[in-house]
Amino acid sequence: MKPFAKAYVILESVLGALLGVYCTYTYILQLSGSDNLKRELMQLVVLFVLAYLCRCFPIHIRPDFAIDMAFISNVAILLCKGPIVAAAITFVSSPFVVARVPSERNKYSHILNTPFLKSAFNYGNFTISVFIGGKAFLLAGGIIGDLSLPGVLLPMVAMILAIMLVNSSLLMMLFKLNLGTKFFSNLVRNVYEFYPSVLAAAPIGFFISKMMILTDGEYVVLLFLLPLFLARYTFSLYIDVKHNYYIMIRTLTYSLEAKDEYTRGHSERVELYAKALANELHLSHSKVEKIAVAALLHDVGKIGIDESILRKPARLTPEERAIIQKHPEISVHILKEVKLSPIVFELILHHHERYDGKGYPDGICGEDLPIEVSILGVADTYDAMTSIRPYSPGSTPEQTKQVIMEEKGKQFHPKVVDAFVRAYDEGKMALIERDNKDRYFSI
């Protein structure tokens, strides 16, 4: 970690710890002066359990993206108890959180196997974010314990937005100091990706806080935890099915690559390049995901092409070229029974179309082609030209860049070429090479 980044982490961690200690101490004083200490303690236990369980069981959509159930507990605690109590519970519960690592089976992260500075920074981030979110609720006109509608809605939105902005800002600043990434664009993107799921989870926190202020609310909340986590389990099963579906898609591409050693890894590399271009164009995550699926499957139709043509070390004859140009249609025919998005089929079928209309199979041109087609086309061309094939030693990345630039407005959509140049100049199109053990690394 760079010196400035390390200093920033230490400063943020210390501030978060001081805030957590202050809020915990203040809450203890509040408890000692309570008229109904027994109920206050019971509510504390229930809210602590809720916060702890929500922190331990995020829903991982993908390894780098999760729906954080902690927002449910944060909203509930902030609405019925305020920022002091919410920050105190967040601070005290953080060291005990145990969460599954999404990228590794049967592995869990906790305070004992996580670097101290990383844990301290995260705990400080959570504590500061929750506290400022609670203050934003009050500044927007919210009243702790007053959950009447519609008056509570605007303060709730302000609270959620404040939590997200503070949480993301602290994290993006660390990335900027340590990795040199852009602060504002990454902040906007992070909030854009997470805010819809957080906003959707917020009503559950509202309902929990409504239950908590009932006469026997703490017991009602305990009963509510069962259906809440059952719903979470059901949704996790759906995500697992979706993940397995993605693995099956990869398996299908491996079957093609086993047939032609020179295309080994091609589909996965095209997927990475295409995602980099799509992100450079600021496409939505949903569109990026569809492009990634199309990239993995775009050449699957070559399974139906004779190996003598695929592996031919010389130029293809016109007859052989006509056969190879059938592979997009063969791909669609093979996949027709698979439940894929229509745009995925369109990308697979038309990934060899050109912006000037001279491509195949239909000769579609210009704006009649979705921009995603050109994204896939540029990614495919970039990997094909920089790869060693029986008929080609492969071009350098710089040579390939020049060719792609020359095809701006001809083979490729101008906006995609501009995005490619930006991504290339920023190092986002670094070649994905293969070592002798078929593991991929970036250079």
Protein backbone atom coordinates (compact mmCIF):
# COMPACT_ATOMS: atom_id res chain seq x y z
CA MET A 1 0.00 0.00 0.00
CA LYS A 2 1.29 3.45 -0.94
CA PRO A 3 2.32 5.77 1.97
CA PHE A 4 -0.48 8.32 1.41
CA ALA A 5 -3.05 5.53 1.12
CA LYS A 6 -1.77 3.91 4.31
CA ALA A 7 -1.90 7.23 6.18
CA TYR A 8 -5.46 7.74 4.92
CA VAL A 9 -6.50 4.26 6.07
CA ILE A 10 -5.02 4.85 9.53
CA LEU A 11 -6.70 8.26 9.85
CA GLU A 12 -10.11 6.96 8.75
CA SER A 13 -9.80 3.93 11.05
CA VAL A 14 -8.93 6.10 14.06
CA LEU A 15 -11.80 8.50 13.37
CA GLY A 16 -14.21 5.58 12.97
CA ALA A 17 -12.99 3.98 16.20
CA LEU A 18 -13.28 7.25 18.15
CA LEU A 19 -16.79 7.79 16.79
CA GLY A 20 -17.72 4.20 17.67
CA VAL A 21 -16.40 4.54 21.23
CA TYR A 22 -18.20 7.87 21.67
CA CYS A 23 -21.52 6.47 20.42
CA THR A 24 -21.19 3.32 22.53
CA TYR A 25 -20.40 5.35 25.67
CA THR A 26 -23.27 7.75 24.99
CA TYR A 27 -25.68 4.86 24.45
CA ILE A 28 -24.63 3.23 27.73
CA LEU A 29 -25.41 6.50 29.51
CA GLN A 30 -28.80 6.57 27.80
CA LEU A 31 -29.52 3.03 28.95
CA SER A 32 -28.55 3.81 32.53
CA GLY A 33 -31.10 6.61 32.62
CA SER A 34 -33.90 4.62 30.97
CA ASP A 35 -37.30 4.37 32.68
CA ASN A 36 -37.80 0.86 31.26
CA LEU A 37 -34.32 -0.69 31.25
CA LYS A 38 -35.60 -4.25 30.78
CA ARG A 39 -37.34 -3.43 27.50
CA GLU A 40 -34.46 -1.27 26.29
CA LEU A 41 -32.05 -4.16 26.87
CA MET A 42 -34.38 -6.59 25.10
CA GLN A 43 -34.61 -4.26 22.12
CA LEU A 44 -30.84 -3.86 22.14
CA VAL A 45 -30.34 -7.63 22.01
CA VAL A 46 -32.85 -8.03 19.15
CA LEU A 47 -31.36 -5.16 17.12
CA PHE A 48 -27.83 -6.43 17.73
CA VAL A 49 -28.80 -9.91 16.52
CA LEU A 50 -30.53 -8.40 13.48
CA ALA A 51 -27.49 -6.26 12.62
CA TYR A 52 -25.08 -9.15 13.15
CA LEU A 53 -27.01 -11.62 11.01
CA CYS A 54 -27.52 -9.09 8.21
CA ARG A 55 -23.78 -8.38 8.18
CA CYS A 56 -22.92 -12.09 8.08
CA PHE A 57 -25.25 -12.96 5.20
CA PRO A 58 -24.87 -10.59 2.23
CA ILE A 59 -26.26 -11.89 -1.07
CA HIS A 60 -23.38 -12.19 -3.54
CA ILE A 61 -24.63 -11.47 -7.05
CA ARG A 62 -21.07 -11.91 -8.31
CA PRO A 63 -17.66 -11.92 -6.57
CA ASP A 64 -17.36 -8.11 -6.70
CA PHE A 65 -21.01 -7.23 -6.14
CA ALA A 66 -23.35 -8.05 -3.26
CA ILE A 67 -26.71 -6.93 -1.94
CA ASP A 68 -25.74 -5.93 1.58
CA MET A 69 -28.50 -6.96 3.98
CA ALA A 70 -26.87 -4.68 6.58
CA PHE A 71 -28.88 -1.86 5.01
CA ILE A 72 -32.02 -3.54 6.33
CA SER A 73 -30.75 -3.47 9.91
CA ASN A 74 -29.24 0.01 9.50
CA VAL A 75 -32.54 1.47 8.31
CA ALA A 76 -34.48 -0.27 11.07
CA ILE A 77 -32.14 0.87 13.87
CA LEU A 78 -31.79 4.42 12.56
CA LEU A 79 -35.55 4.92 12.24
CA CYS A 80 -36.47 3.68 15.69
CA LYS A 81 -33.31 4.47 17.72
CA GLY A 82 -31.29 7.12 15.87
CA PRO A 83 -27.66 7.57 14.75
CA ILE A 84 -26.01 7.13 18.18
CA VAL A 85 -27.49 3.66 18.73
CA ALA A 86 -27.02 2.59 15.08
CA ALA A 87 -23.35 3.59 15.08
CA ALA A 88 -22.77 1.93 18.45
CA ILE A 89 -24.31 -1.38 17.35
CA THR A 90 -22.40 -1.25 14.05
CA PHE A 91 -19.12 -0.57 15.87
CA VAL A 92 -19.55 -3.27 18.52
CA SER A 93 -20.86 -5.98 16.16
CA SER A 94 -18.26 -5.47 13.39
CA PRO A 95 -15.36 -7.47 14.94
CA PHE A 96 -17.58 -10.55 15.31
CA VAL A 97 -18.83 -10.68 11.71
CA VAL A 98 -18.06 -13.90 9.80
CA ALA A 99 -18.96 -13.87 6.09
CA ARG A 100 -18.45 -16.37 3.28
CA VAL A 101 -15.86 -15.51 0.63
CA PRO A 102 -17.83 -15.72 -2.67
CA SER A 103 -14.88 -16.67 -4.87
CA GLU A 104 -13.79 -19.63 -2.72
CA ARG A 105 -15.91 -22.54 -1.59
CA ASN A 106 -16.16 -23.20 2.16
CA LYS A 107 -13.97 -20.22 3.08
CA TYR A 108 -15.02 -17.44 5.43
CA SER A 109 -13.53 -14.05 6.23
CA HIS A 110 -13.36 -12.80 9.80
CA ILE A 111 -11.19 -10.60 11.97
CA LEU A 112 -8.61 -13.35 12.56
CA ASN A 113 -7.79 -13.99 8.88
CA THR A 114 -8.16 -10.44 7.53
CA PRO A 115 -5.32 -7.87 7.58
CA PHE A 116 -5.73 -5.55 10.56
CA LEU A 117 -5.71 -2.31 8.54
CA LYS A 118 -8.31 -3.65 6.14
CA SER A 119 -10.62 -4.66 9.00
CA ALA A 120 -10.07 -1.36 10.83
CA PHE A 121 -10.79 0.65 7.68
CA ASN A 122 -14.00 -1.27 6.95
CA TYR A 123 -15.24 -1.00 10.55
CA GLY A 124 -14.52 2.72 10.53
CA ASN A 125 -16.25 3.13 7.17
CA PHE A 126 -19.41 1.34 8.34
CA THR A 127 -19.57 3.28 11.61
CA ILE A 128 -19.03 6.70 10.02
CA SER A 129 -21.46 5.99 7.17
CA VAL A 130 -24.28 4.88 9.45
CA PHE A 131 -23.79 7.82 11.82
CA ILE A 132 -23.79 10.43 9.04
CA GLY A 133 -26.78 8.70 7.42
CA GLY A 134 -28.69 9.10 10.69
CA LYS A 135 -27.73 12.77 10.87
CA ALA A 136 -28.94 13.26 7.28
CA PHE A 137 -32.29 11.73 8.31
CA LEU A 138 -32.62 14.30 11.10
CA LEU A 139 -31.50 17.21 8.90
CA ALA A 140 -34.10 16.22 6.28
CA GLY A 141 -36.84 16.61 8.87
CA GLY A 142 -37.04 13.05 10.17
CA ILE A 143 -37.98 12.38 13.79
CA ILE A 144 -36.63 9.30 15.57
CA GLY A 145 -39.53 6.94 16.32
CA ASP A 146 -42.02 8.86 14.16
CA LEU A 147 -42.67 6.51 11.25
CA SER A 148 -45.84 8.09 9.91
CA LEU A 149 -46.27 8.08 6.15
CA PRO A 150 -45.66 9.89 3.87
CA GLY A 151 -43.64 12.28 6.06
CA VAL A 152 -40.89 9.76 6.77
CA LEU A 153 -40.20 8.92 3.11
CA LEU A 154 -38.06 11.93 2.10
CA PRO A 155 -35.85 11.75 5.24
CA MET A 156 -35.44 8.00 4.58
CA VAL A 157 -34.26 8.63 1.03
CA ALA A 158 -31.83 11.29 2.30
CA MET A 159 -30.57 8.85 4.93
CA ILE A 160 -29.97 6.01 2.47
CA LEU A 161 -28.30 8.28 -0.08
CA ALA A 162 -26.03 9.75 2.61
CA ILE A 163 -24.96 6.30 3.82
CA MET A 164 -24.15 5.22 0.27
CA LEU A 165 -22.30 8.41 -0.65
CA VAL A 166 -20.17 8.41 2.49
CA ASN A 167 -19.46 4.67 2.31
CA SER A 168 -18.56 4.82 -1.39
CA SER A 169 -16.58 8.08 -1.08
CA LEU A 170 -14.35 6.72 1.67
CA LEU A 171 -13.69 3.59 -0.38
CA MET A 172 -13.16 5.35 -3.73
CA MET A 173 -10.71 7.78 -2.11
CA LEU A 174 -8.65 4.81 -0.92
CA PHE A 175 -8.62 3.40 -4.45
CA LYS A 176 -7.59 6.77 -5.84
CA LEU A 177 -4.71 7.18 -3.38
CA ASN A 178 -3.49 3.59 -3.69
CA LEU A 179 -4.28 2.69 -7.32
CA GLY A 180 -4.68 6.06 -9.01
CA THR A 181 -8.24 5.32 -10.16
CA LYS A 182 -10.68 8.12 -10.98
CA PHE A 183 -12.62 9.23 -7.90
CA PHE A 184 -15.79 10.88 -9.18
CA SER A 185 -16.63 8.55 -12.08
CA ASN A 186 -16.09 5.47 -9.91
CA LEU A 187 -18.17 7.01 -7.11
CA VAL A 188 -21.09 7.70 -9.46
CA ARG A 189 -20.85 4.22 -10.93
CA ASN A 190 -20.69 2.54 -7.52
CA VAL A 191 -23.75 4.42 -6.25
CA TYR A 192 -25.58 3.78 -9.54
CA GLU A 193 -24.97 0.01 -9.27
CA PHE A 194 -25.82 -0.38 -5.60
CA TYR A 195 -28.55 2.22 -4.98
CA PRO A 196 -31.46 0.34 -6.64
CA SER A 197 -30.87 -2.83 -4.59
CA VAL A 198 -30.38 -0.81 -1.41
CA LEU A 199 -33.52 1.22 -2.08
CA ALA A 200 -35.45 -2.01 -2.64
CA ALA A 201 -34.21 -3.41 0.71
CA ALA A 202 -35.06 -0.23 2.64
CA PRO A 203 -38.84 -0.96 3.02
CA ILE A 204 -37.99 -4.17 4.90
CA GLY A 205 -36.01 -2.07 7.40
CA PHE A 206 -38.97 0.31 7.65
CA PHE A 207 -41.37 -2.55 8.43
CA ILE A 208 -38.98 -3.91 11.07
CA SER A 209 -38.77 -0.50 12.73
CA LYS A 210 -42.60 -0.31 12.64
CA MET A 211 -42.75 -3.66 14.43
CA MET A 212 -40.13 -2.60 16.96
CA ILE A 213 -42.19 0.34 18.27
CA LEU A 214 -45.17 -1.93 19.03
CA THR A 215 -45.81 -2.90 22.65
CA ASP A 216 -44.29 -6.38 22.13
CA GLY A 217 -42.38 -5.36 19.00
CA GLU A 218 -39.06 -7.01 19.84
CA TYR A 219 -40.74 -10.43 19.87
CA VAL A 220 -42.52 -9.71 16.58
CA VAL A 221 -39.16 -8.80 15.02
CA LEU A 222 -37.63 -12.07 16.23
CA LEU A 223 -40.48 -13.98 14.56
CA PHE A 224 -40.02 -11.91 11.39
CA LEU A 225 -36.37 -12.94 11.12
CA LEU A 226 -37.35 -16.47 10.05
CA PRO A 227 -39.27 -15.52 6.85
CA LEU A 228 -36.70 -12.78 6.15
CA PHE A 229 -33.78 -15.20 6.06
CA LEU A 230 -35.86 -17.84 4.31
CA ALA A 231 -36.42 -15.30 1.51
CA ARG A 232 -32.70 -14.58 1.53
CA TYR A 233 -31.93 -18.31 1.23
CA THR A 234 -34.38 -18.72 -1.66
CA PHE A 235 -32.86 -15.80 -3.54
CA SER A 236 -29.37 -17.21 -2.94
CA LEU A 237 -30.49 -20.48 -4.55
CA TYR A 238 -31.61 -18.50 -7.60
CA ILE A 239 -28.21 -16.80 -7.78
CA ASP A 240 -26.48 -20.20 -7.52
CA VAL A 241 -28.58 -21.52 -10.40
CA LYS A 242 -27.65 -18.46 -12.46
CA HIS A 243 -23.98 -18.98 -11.61
CA ASN A 244 -24.16 -22.64 -12.65
CA TYR A 245 -25.79 -21.55 -15.91
CA TYR A 246 -22.82 -19.30 -16.56
CA ILE A 247 -20.44 -22.19 -15.83
CA MET A 248 -22.31 -24.35 -18.36
CA ILE A 249 -21.84 -21.62 -20.96
CA ARG A 250 -18.11 -21.65 -20.30
CA THR A 251 -18.09 -25.44 -20.54
CA LEU A 252 -19.67 -25.19 -23.98
CA THR A 253 -16.89 -22.88 -25.15
CA TYR A 254 -14.28 -25.28 -23.79
CA SER A 255 -15.70 -28.01 -26.04
CA LEU A 256 -14.95 -25.81 -29.06
CA GLU A 257 -11.48 -24.95 -27.82
CA ALA A 258 -10.68 -28.63 -27.33
CA LYS A 259 -11.32 -29.07 -31.05
CA ASP A 260 -9.03 -26.24 -32.13
CA GLU A 261 -5.98 -25.58 -29.94
CA TYR A 262 -5.34 -22.22 -31.61
CA THR A 263 -8.64 -20.83 -30.32
CA ARG A 264 -8.01 -21.98 -26.75
CA GLY A 265 -8.95 -19.14 -24.41
CA HIS A 266 -10.16 -16.95 -27.30
CA SER A 267 -13.76 -16.68 -26.09
CA GLU A 268 -12.75 -15.81 -22.53
CA ARG A 269 -10.29 -13.19 -23.73
CA VAL A 270 -12.93 -11.67 -26.02
CA GLU A 271 -15.29 -11.62 -23.03
CA LEU A 272 -12.77 -9.62 -20.96
CA TYR A 273 -11.99 -7.19 -23.78
CA ALA A 274 -15.69 -6.71 -24.58
CA LYS A 275 -16.52 -6.01 -20.93
CA ALA A 276 -13.72 -3.45 -20.77
CA LEU A 277 -15.12 -1.67 -23.84
CA ALA A 278 -18.71 -1.84 -22.58
CA ASN A 279 -17.66 -0.36 -19.25
CA GLU A 280 -15.70 2.37 -21.05
CA LEU A 281 -18.96 3.26 -22.84
CA HIS A 282 -20.77 3.28 -19.46
CA LEU A 283 -23.31 0.66 -20.45
CA SER A 284 -25.54 -0.75 -17.71
CA HIS A 285 -24.47 -3.88 -15.84
CA SER A 286 -27.32 -5.78 -17.48
CA LYS A 287 -26.02 -4.92 -20.96
CA VAL A 288 -22.44 -5.73 -19.98
CA GLU A 289 -23.59 -9.12 -18.72
CA LYS A 290 -25.40 -9.90 -21.99
CA ILE A 291 -22.34 -8.86 -24.02
CA ALA A 292 -20.19 -11.15 -21.86
CA VAL A 293 -22.49 -14.12 -22.52
CA ALA A 294 -22.51 -13.40 -26.26
CA ALA A 295 -18.72 -13.12 -26.25
CA LEU A 296 -18.36 -16.55 -24.67
CA LEU A 297 -20.74 -18.13 -27.17
CA HIS A 298 -20.03 -16.16 -30.35
CA ASP A 299 -17.89 -18.86 -31.99
CA VAL A 300 -19.64 -21.98 -30.69
CA GLY A 301 -20.96 -22.66 -34.21
CA LYS A 302 -17.42 -23.55 -35.27
CA ILE A 303 -18.11 -26.92 -33.65
CA GLY A 304 -20.00 -27.65 -36.87
CA ILE A 305 -17.09 -26.64 -39.15
CA ASP A 306 -14.70 -29.27 -40.45
CA GLU A 307 -11.39 -29.31 -38.55
CA SER A 308 -9.38 -29.25 -41.78
CA ILE A 309 -10.81 -25.80 -42.47
CA LEU A 310 -10.40 -24.51 -38.92
CA ARG A 311 -6.77 -25.63 -38.73
CA LYS A 312 -5.77 -24.90 -42.32
CA PRO A 313 -2.30 -23.22 -42.24
CA ALA A 314 -2.88 -21.42 -45.55
CA ARG A 315 -5.44 -18.92 -46.83
CA LEU A 316 -8.95 -20.27 -47.23
CA THR A 317 -10.46 -20.78 -50.69
CA PRO A 318 -13.69 -18.88 -51.49
CA GLU A 319 -15.65 -22.10 -50.93
CA GLU A 320 -13.99 -22.70 -47.55
CA ARG A 321 -14.54 -19.07 -46.55
CA ALA A 322 -18.24 -19.43 -47.38
CA ILE A 323 -18.38 -22.45 -45.08
CA ILE A 324 -16.61 -20.68 -42.21
CA GLN A 325 -18.98 -17.71 -42.60
CA LYS A 326 -21.86 -20.01 -41.68
CA HIS A 327 -20.66 -20.32 -38.08
CA PRO A 328 -22.80 -17.46 -36.66
CA GLU A 329 -25.95 -19.10 -38.01
CA ILE A 330 -24.81 -22.52 -36.77
CA SER A 331 -24.22 -20.95 -33.34
CA VAL A 332 -27.78 -19.63 -33.20
CA HIS A 333 -29.15 -22.99 -34.37
CA ILE A 334 -27.20 -24.85 -31.65
CA LEU A 335 -28.37 -22.43 -28.95
CA LYS A 336 -31.98 -21.94 -30.08
CA GLU A 337 -33.41 -24.06 -27.24
CA VAL A 338 -31.35 -22.24 -24.60
CA LYS A 339 -33.18 -19.44 -22.79
CA LEU A 340 -30.95 -16.53 -23.77
CA SER A 341 -31.87 -12.89 -24.13
CA PRO A 342 -32.85 -11.88 -27.71
CA ILE A 343 -29.95 -9.40 -27.80
CA VAL A 344 -27.51 -12.26 -27.07
CA PHE A 345 -28.78 -14.17 -30.11
CA GLU A 346 -28.54 -10.98 -32.17
CA LEU A 347 -24.95 -10.35 -31.09
CA ILE A 348 -23.94 -13.94 -31.86
CA LEU A 349 -25.61 -13.87 -35.27
CA HIS A 350 -24.26 -10.48 -36.32
CA HIS A 351 -20.82 -10.26 -34.69
CA HIS A 352 -19.23 -10.28 -38.16
CA GLU A 353 -21.45 -7.50 -39.54
CA ARG A 354 -19.72 -4.23 -40.42
CA TYR A 355 -20.69 -0.61 -39.81
CA ASP A 356 -20.37 0.03 -43.58
CA GLY A 357 -22.68 -2.89 -44.42
CA LYS A 358 -20.03 -5.15 -45.98
CA GLY A 359 -20.23 -7.85 -43.29
CA TYR A 360 -22.16 -11.08 -43.03
CA PRO A 361 -24.59 -12.84 -42.83
CA ASP A 362 -27.16 -10.06 -43.55
CA GLY A 363 -25.15 -7.00 -44.55
CA ILE A 364 -26.78 -4.78 -41.92
CA CYS A 365 -25.08 -1.40 -41.54
CA GLY A 366 -24.86 1.83 -39.56
CA GLU A 367 -27.20 2.57 -36.71
CA ASP A 368 -29.36 -0.42 -37.63
CA LEU A 369 -26.76 -2.51 -35.83
CA PRO A 370 -26.84 -2.36 -32.01
CA ILE A 371 -23.64 -0.75 -30.69
CA GLU A 372 -23.07 -3.97 -28.73
CA VAL A 373 -22.36 -5.74 -32.05
CA SER A 374 -19.45 -3.41 -32.72
CA ILE A 375 -18.19 -3.85 -29.15
CA LEU A 376 -18.05 -7.60 -29.68
CA GLY A 377 -16.54 -7.10 -33.14
CA VAL A 378 -13.70 -4.89 -31.87
CA ALA A 379 -12.95 -7.25 -28.98
CA ASP A 380 -12.98 -10.25 -31.34
CA THR A 381 -10.72 -8.51 -33.85
CA TYR A 382 -8.28 -7.32 -31.17
CA ASP A 383 -7.80 -10.83 -29.80
CA ALA A 384 -7.71 -12.51 -33.23
CA MET A 385 -5.07 -10.13 -34.60
CA THR A 386 -2.83 -10.35 -31.53
CA SER A 387 -3.04 -14.16 -31.34
CA ILE A 388 -0.73 -16.65 -33.03
CA ARG A 389 -2.65 -18.71 -35.59
CA PRO A 390 -1.60 -21.32 -38.19
CA TYR A 391 -1.88 -18.67 -40.90
CA SER A 392 -0.64 -15.64 -38.90
CA PRO A 393 2.20 -14.93 -36.43
CA GLY A 394 0.07 -12.31 -34.71
CA SER A 395 0.35 -8.51 -34.67
CA THR A 396 1.58 -6.37 -31.80
CA PRO A 397 -1.06 -4.55 -29.73
CA GLU A 398 0.07 -1.21 -31.17
CA GLN A 399 -0.21 -2.50 -34.75
CA THR A 400 -3.67 -3.87 -33.98
CA LYS A 401 -4.70 -0.57 -32.43
CA GLN A 402 -3.72 1.26 -35.64
CA VAL A 403 -5.75 -1.18 -37.78
CA ILE A 404 -8.82 -0.75 -35.58
CA MET A 405 -8.45 3.04 -35.73
CA GLU A 406 -8.25 2.86 -39.53
CA GLU A 407 -11.52 0.90 -39.54
CA LYS A 408 -13.38 3.65 -37.66
CA GLY A 409 -16.64 4.26 -39.49
CA LYS A 410 -15.87 1.37 -41.85
CA GLN A 411 -15.83 -1.97 -40.06
CA PHE A 412 -16.57 -0.56 -36.60
CA HIS A 413 -18.88 1.98 -35.00
CA PRO A 414 -16.94 5.26 -34.45
CA LYS A 415 -17.98 5.50 -30.78
CA VAL A 416 -16.68 2.00 -30.07
CA VAL A 417 -13.33 2.75 -31.73
CA ASP A 418 -13.03 5.92 -29.64
CA ALA A 419 -13.82 3.90 -26.51
CA PHE A 420 -11.25 1.27 -27.53
CA VAL A 421 -8.53 3.93 -27.93
CA ARG A 422 -9.34 5.42 -24.51
CA ALA A 423 -9.34 2.00 -22.86
CA TYR A 424 -6.13 1.02 -24.64
CA ASP A 425 -4.32 4.22 -23.62
CA GLU A 426 -5.43 3.71 -20.00
CA GLY A 427 -4.09 0.14 -19.97
CA LYS A 428 -7.51 -1.49 -19.80
CA MET A 429 -6.87 -3.54 -22.95
CA ALA A 430 -3.65 -5.15 -21.73
CA LEU A 431 -3.14 -8.41 -23.57
CA ILE A 432 -4.42 -11.54 -21.90
CA GLU A 433 -1.74 -14.16 -22.56
CA ARG A 434 -1.65 -17.88 -21.89
CA ASP A 435 1.26 -19.67 -20.23
CA ASN A 436 2.16 -23.30 -20.77
CA LYS A 437 -0.26 -24.43 -18.07
CA ASP A 438 -3.24 -22.67 -19.64
CA ARG A 439 -3.53 -20.11 -16.86
CA TYR A 440 -4.24 -16.55 -17.89
CA PHE A 441 -2.38 -13.50 -16.75
CA SER A 442 -2.24 -9.84 -17.71
CA ILE A 443 0.84 -8.08 -19.09
